[in-house]
Amino acid sequence: MLAPTALEVLAHIGRYSLLIGRAFRSVGEWRTYWSAFFLQAVRIGLDSLPIVILAAAFSGAVTTVQTAYQLVSGLVPRSVIGSIVTESVILELAPVISALVLAGRVGARIAAELGTMRVTEQIDALEVMGLNAVSFLVLPRVLAGLLMFPVLITAAAVVGIAGGLLAGIVSGELPPAEFLLGARSFFKPFDVVFMLIKAFTFGFLVTSISCYQGYYASGGAEGVGRATTQAAVVSCITVLLADYLLANLLL
């Protein structure tokens, strides 16, 4: 049982690599996918902004409340809460939680769209007409993810820190001046660079994996549902794995 499973995983990795290689080899065919790229940028970015902001705001607020609960000793200055919340949001909460939310929203949608086109033979029709289906369907989604994930995650970081600040004010645990003092005390510019590296990586993984699952879907409606589920699950797993590897390599 182990050998077939390992071979199947390797087959998926190989086919995924070939698909993404074909997609980026067609970058020069920009007239084919230019309008589709802007459409996908709006769907991935603007349409996902409310849920990303909501998740970020509550993540920052909860982090402030829980950190204040842990630091009940008078020996620790309350400004430390601001530094912990800011570092946590920038380095981990904003990129990872946003990526997991987007894996469920964006990844599932991409897989469902391409999977439906595959099982209804629309992709075959595009290829029969001489159109590069990979250039037209896969590449715009991956490029839009590379563009919009950093924008969304940056917005999530700003809103998350603001949510933490507001939670400190509402709970009465932390005045704004002390929160901002702690946030500035331990802030390092590389934190933002690291967050953006994560954002680009997660954007590529979520969109490319979802495109792969949808592009090779089979088996009618059941196959589309299976591809959608696998896209969300595999994207979440690879995001968490990439988060660990990037932390080990860059921090």
Protein backbone atom coordinates (compact mmCIF):
# COMPACT_ATOMS: atom_id res chain seq x y z
CA MET A 1 0.00 0.00 0.00
CA LEU A 2 2.87 2.40 0.73
CA ALA A 3 4.59 2.05 -2.65
CA PRO A 4 1.52 2.92 -4.78
CA THR A 5 0.77 5.89 -2.52
CA ALA A 6 4.32 7.20 -2.86
CA LEU A 7 4.24 6.69 -6.63
CA GLU A 8 0.91 8.48 -6.86
CA VAL A 9 2.28 11.45 -4.91
CA LEU A 10 5.32 11.61 -7.17
CA ALA A 11 3.08 11.42 -10.24
CA HIS A 12 1.02 14.35 -8.97
CA ILE A 13 4.16 16.38 -8.25
CA GLY A 14 5.52 15.68 -11.72
CA ARG A 15 2.28 16.52 -13.49
CA TYR A 16 1.87 19.66 -11.37
CA SER A 17 5.41 20.78 -12.24
CA LEU A 18 4.80 20.23 -15.94
CA LEU A 19 1.55 22.22 -15.83
CA ILE A 20 3.14 25.19 -14.04
CA GLY A 21 6.14 25.00 -16.38
CA ARG A 22 3.82 25.17 -19.39
CA ALA A 23 1.98 28.09 -17.81
CA PHE A 24 5.08 30.23 -17.28
CA ARG A 25 6.50 29.37 -20.69
CA SER A 26 3.45 31.10 -22.14
CA VAL A 27 4.10 34.41 -20.36
CA GLY A 28 4.95 35.97 -23.71
CA GLU A 29 1.40 35.36 -24.92
CA TRP A 30 0.17 38.25 -22.79
CA ARG A 31 -2.54 39.31 -25.23
CA THR A 32 -4.23 35.95 -24.59
CA TYR A 33 -4.71 36.40 -20.88
CA TRP A 34 -4.40 40.15 -20.19
CA SER A 35 -8.12 40.79 -19.65
CA ALA A 36 -8.51 37.51 -17.76
CA PHE A 37 -5.65 38.56 -15.47
CA PHE A 38 -7.43 41.76 -14.43
CA LEU A 39 -10.68 39.87 -13.90
CA GLN A 40 -8.95 37.34 -11.65
CA ALA A 41 -7.13 40.11 -9.77
CA VAL A 42 -10.50 41.66 -8.90
CA ARG A 43 -12.00 38.32 -7.88
CA ILE A 44 -9.01 37.27 -5.78
CA GLY A 45 -8.25 40.69 -4.33
CA LEU A 46 -11.26 42.97 -4.07
CA ASP A 47 -13.86 40.25 -3.55
CA SER A 48 -11.78 38.60 -0.80
CA LEU A 49 -10.95 41.81 1.06
CA PRO A 50 -13.94 41.80 3.50
CA ILE A 51 -13.34 38.28 4.84
CA VAL A 52 -9.58 38.84 5.12
CA ILE A 53 -10.05 42.10 7.01
CA LEU A 54 -12.63 40.54 9.33
CA ALA A 55 -10.35 37.61 10.18
CA ALA A 56 -7.36 39.91 10.71
CA ALA A 57 -9.23 42.33 12.95
CA PHE A 58 -10.44 39.62 15.31
CA SER A 59 -7.06 37.87 15.27
CA GLY A 60 -5.32 41.05 16.42
CA ALA A 61 -7.98 41.77 19.02
CA VAL A 62 -7.87 38.26 20.48
CA THR A 63 -4.07 38.34 20.59
CA THR A 64 -4.16 41.56 22.61
CA VAL A 65 -6.71 40.23 25.09
CA GLN A 66 -4.94 36.90 25.57
CA THR A 67 -1.51 38.51 25.90
CA ALA A 68 -2.83 40.95 28.49
CA TYR A 69 -4.36 37.99 30.36
CA GLN A 70 -1.00 36.21 30.45
CA LEU A 71 1.01 39.27 31.51
CA VAL A 72 -0.79 39.93 34.76
CA SER A 73 2.43 40.58 36.69
CA GLY A 74 3.30 44.18 37.47
CA LEU A 75 6.94 43.36 36.79
CA VAL A 76 6.35 43.32 33.03
CA PRO A 77 5.62 46.69 31.38
CA ARG A 78 2.31 46.78 29.56
CA SER A 79 3.99 48.14 26.44
CA VAL A 80 5.31 44.61 25.86
CA ILE A 81 1.76 43.70 24.83
CA GLY A 82 2.04 46.05 21.85
CA SER A 83 5.32 44.51 20.75
CA ILE A 84 4.02 40.94 21.05
CA VAL A 85 0.82 41.72 19.15
CA THR A 86 2.61 43.62 16.38
CA GLU A 87 5.28 40.96 15.87
CA SER A 88 2.72 38.14 15.99
CA VAL A 89 0.45 39.81 13.45
CA ILE A 90 3.20 40.72 10.98
CA LEU A 91 5.24 37.52 11.19
CA GLU A 92 2.53 34.91 11.56
CA LEU A 93 -1.12 35.80 11.99
CA ALA A 94 -1.67 38.08 9.00
CA PRO A 95 0.08 35.91 6.38
CA VAL A 96 -0.94 32.47 7.63
CA ILE A 97 -4.55 33.10 8.66
CA SER A 98 -5.16 35.13 5.49
CA ALA A 99 -3.65 32.37 3.35
CA LEU A 100 -5.79 29.70 5.02
CA VAL A 101 -8.92 31.81 4.55
CA LEU A 102 -8.02 32.42 0.91
CA ALA A 103 -7.26 28.74 0.36
CA GLY A 104 -10.86 28.01 1.28
CA ARG A 105 -12.38 30.89 -0.62
CA VAL A 106 -10.14 31.50 -3.64
CA GLY A 107 -8.63 28.03 -3.98
CA ALA A 108 -11.97 26.25 -3.88
CA ARG A 109 -13.47 28.68 -6.40
CA ILE A 110 -10.59 28.26 -8.85
CA ALA A 111 -10.73 24.47 -8.62
CA ALA A 112 -14.51 24.47 -9.08
CA GLU A 113 -14.32 26.77 -12.12
CA LEU A 114 -11.62 24.82 -13.92
CA GLY A 115 -13.04 21.48 -12.83
CA THR A 116 -16.44 22.36 -14.27
CA MET A 117 -14.82 23.47 -17.51
CA ARG A 118 -12.89 20.21 -17.68
CA VAL A 119 -15.80 17.83 -17.08
CA THR A 120 -18.06 19.78 -19.47
CA GLU A 121 -15.29 19.59 -22.13
CA GLN A 122 -14.91 23.37 -22.40
CA ILE A 123 -11.14 23.06 -21.98
CA ASP A 124 -11.06 20.47 -24.78
CA ALA A 125 -13.05 22.87 -26.97
CA LEU A 126 -10.51 25.66 -26.32
CA GLU A 127 -7.67 23.38 -27.35
CA VAL A 128 -9.53 22.24 -30.47
CA MET A 129 -9.92 25.89 -31.48
CA GLY A 130 -6.13 26.27 -31.23
CA LEU A 131 -6.16 28.36 -28.05
CA ASN A 132 -3.52 27.67 -25.40
CA ALA A 133 -5.79 26.62 -22.54
CA VAL A 134 -3.00 26.76 -19.96
CA SER A 135 -2.10 30.31 -20.97
CA PHE A 136 -5.74 31.38 -20.96
CA LEU A 137 -6.94 29.62 -17.80
CA VAL A 138 -4.04 28.84 -15.48
CA LEU A 139 -1.52 31.65 -15.90
CA PRO A 140 -3.90 34.60 -15.21
CA ARG A 141 -5.01 33.02 -11.94
CA VAL A 142 -1.47 32.32 -10.75
CA LEU A 143 -0.23 35.80 -11.68
CA ALA A 144 -3.25 37.41 -10.03
CA GLY A 145 -2.49 35.43 -6.88
CA LEU A 146 1.13 36.59 -6.92
CA LEU A 147 -0.07 40.19 -7.21
CA MET A 148 -3.04 40.23 -4.85
CA PHE A 149 -1.95 37.98 -1.96
CA PRO A 150 0.75 40.49 -0.84
CA VAL A 151 -1.81 43.31 -1.07
CA LEU A 152 -4.39 41.38 0.97
CA ILE A 153 -1.87 40.22 3.57
CA THR A 154 -0.47 43.73 3.97
CA ALA A 155 -3.99 45.02 4.53
CA ALA A 156 -4.55 42.19 7.01
CA ALA A 157 -1.42 43.17 8.95
CA VAL A 158 -2.51 46.80 9.20
CA VAL A 159 -6.05 45.89 10.26
CA GLY A 160 -4.78 43.23 12.68
CA ILE A 161 -2.54 45.71 14.48
CA ALA A 162 -5.36 48.27 14.54
CA GLY A 163 -7.71 45.60 15.92
CA GLY A 164 -5.20 44.81 18.66
CA LEU A 165 -4.87 48.49 19.53
CA LEU A 166 -8.65 48.93 19.63
CA ALA A 167 -9.08 45.82 21.80
CA GLY A 168 -6.57 47.24 24.28
CA ILE A 169 -8.50 50.50 24.48
CA VAL A 170 -11.93 48.86 24.79
CA SER A 171 -10.80 46.41 27.47
CA GLY A 172 -8.97 49.11 29.40
CA GLU A 173 -5.85 46.95 29.57
CA LEU A 174 -3.56 49.10 27.47
CA PRO A 175 -3.56 52.82 26.58
CA PRO A 176 -2.82 53.61 22.92
CA ALA A 177 0.47 55.36 23.77
CA GLU A 178 1.85 52.27 25.51
CA PHE A 179 0.70 49.95 22.73
CA LEU A 180 2.42 52.09 20.08
CA LEU A 181 5.55 52.40 22.23
CA GLY A 182 5.85 48.62 22.43
CA ALA A 183 5.06 48.23 18.72
CA ARG A 184 7.90 50.59 17.78
CA SER A 185 10.39 49.23 20.31
CA PHE A 186 10.85 45.77 18.78
CA PHE A 187 9.87 46.43 15.18
CA LYS A 188 12.42 45.41 12.53
CA PRO A 189 12.07 46.30 8.83
CA PHE A 190 12.93 42.72 7.87
CA ASP A 191 9.68 41.62 9.52
CA VAL A 192 7.75 43.28 6.69
CA VAL A 193 10.08 41.77 4.08
CA PHE A 194 9.56 38.34 5.61
CA MET A 195 5.80 38.84 5.59
CA LEU A 196 5.87 39.75 1.88
CA ILE A 197 8.04 36.73 1.06
CA LYS A 198 5.44 34.57 2.77
CA ALA A 199 2.67 36.35 0.88
CA PHE A 200 4.23 35.72 -2.54
CA THR A 201 4.92 32.09 -1.63
CA PHE A 202 1.42 31.44 -0.32
CA GLY A 203 -0.16 33.20 -3.29
CA PHE A 204 1.73 30.99 -5.71
CA LEU A 205 1.00 27.78 -3.80
CA VAL A 206 -2.73 28.35 -3.31
CA THR A 207 -3.49 29.44 -6.87
CA SER A 208 -1.20 26.96 -8.66
CA ILE A 209 -2.35 23.95 -6.62
CA SER A 210 -6.00 24.91 -7.09
CA CYS A 211 -5.46 25.33 -10.84
CA TYR A 212 -3.83 21.90 -11.00
CA GLN A 213 -6.65 20.20 -9.11
CA GLY A 214 -9.31 21.82 -11.27
CA TYR A 215 -7.49 21.44 -14.59
CA TYR A 216 -7.15 17.67 -14.18
CA ALA A 217 -10.54 17.03 -12.57
CA SER A 218 -12.53 14.08 -13.89
CA GLY A 219 -15.66 12.16 -13.08
CA GLY A 220 -18.49 14.64 -13.53
CA ALA A 221 -20.02 16.57 -10.65
CA GLU A 222 -18.51 14.22 -8.08
CA GLY A 223 -15.08 14.79 -9.58
CA VAL A 224 -15.49 18.56 -9.40
CA GLY A 225 -16.46 18.30 -5.73
CA ARG A 226 -13.48 16.07 -5.05
CA ALA A 227 -11.11 18.46 -6.84
CA THR A 228 -12.52 21.43 -4.91
CA THR A 229 -12.02 19.67 -1.57
CA GLN A 230 -8.51 18.52 -2.47
CA ALA A 231 -7.56 22.01 -3.61
CA ALA A 232 -8.53 23.54 -0.27
CA VAL A 233 -6.98 20.77 1.84
CA VAL A 234 -3.71 20.46 -0.08
CA SER A 235 -3.34 24.25 -0.25
CA CYS A 236 -3.75 24.56 3.53
CA ILE A 237 -1.22 21.80 4.17
CA THR A 238 1.37 23.27 1.82
CA VAL A 239 0.86 26.76 3.30
CA LEU A 240 1.61 25.42 6.78
CA LEU A 241 4.61 23.46 5.52
CA ALA A 242 5.96 26.47 3.62
CA ASP A 243 5.43 28.64 6.71
CA TYR A 244 7.61 26.31 8.76
CA LEU A 245 10.32 26.04 6.10
CA LEU A 246 10.49 29.80 5.51
CA ALA A 247 10.77 30.45 9.25
CA ASN A 248 13.63 27.97 9.51
CA LEU A 249 15.44 29.37 6.50
CA LEU A 250 15.01 33.12 6.97
CA LEU A 251 14.68 33.79 10.70
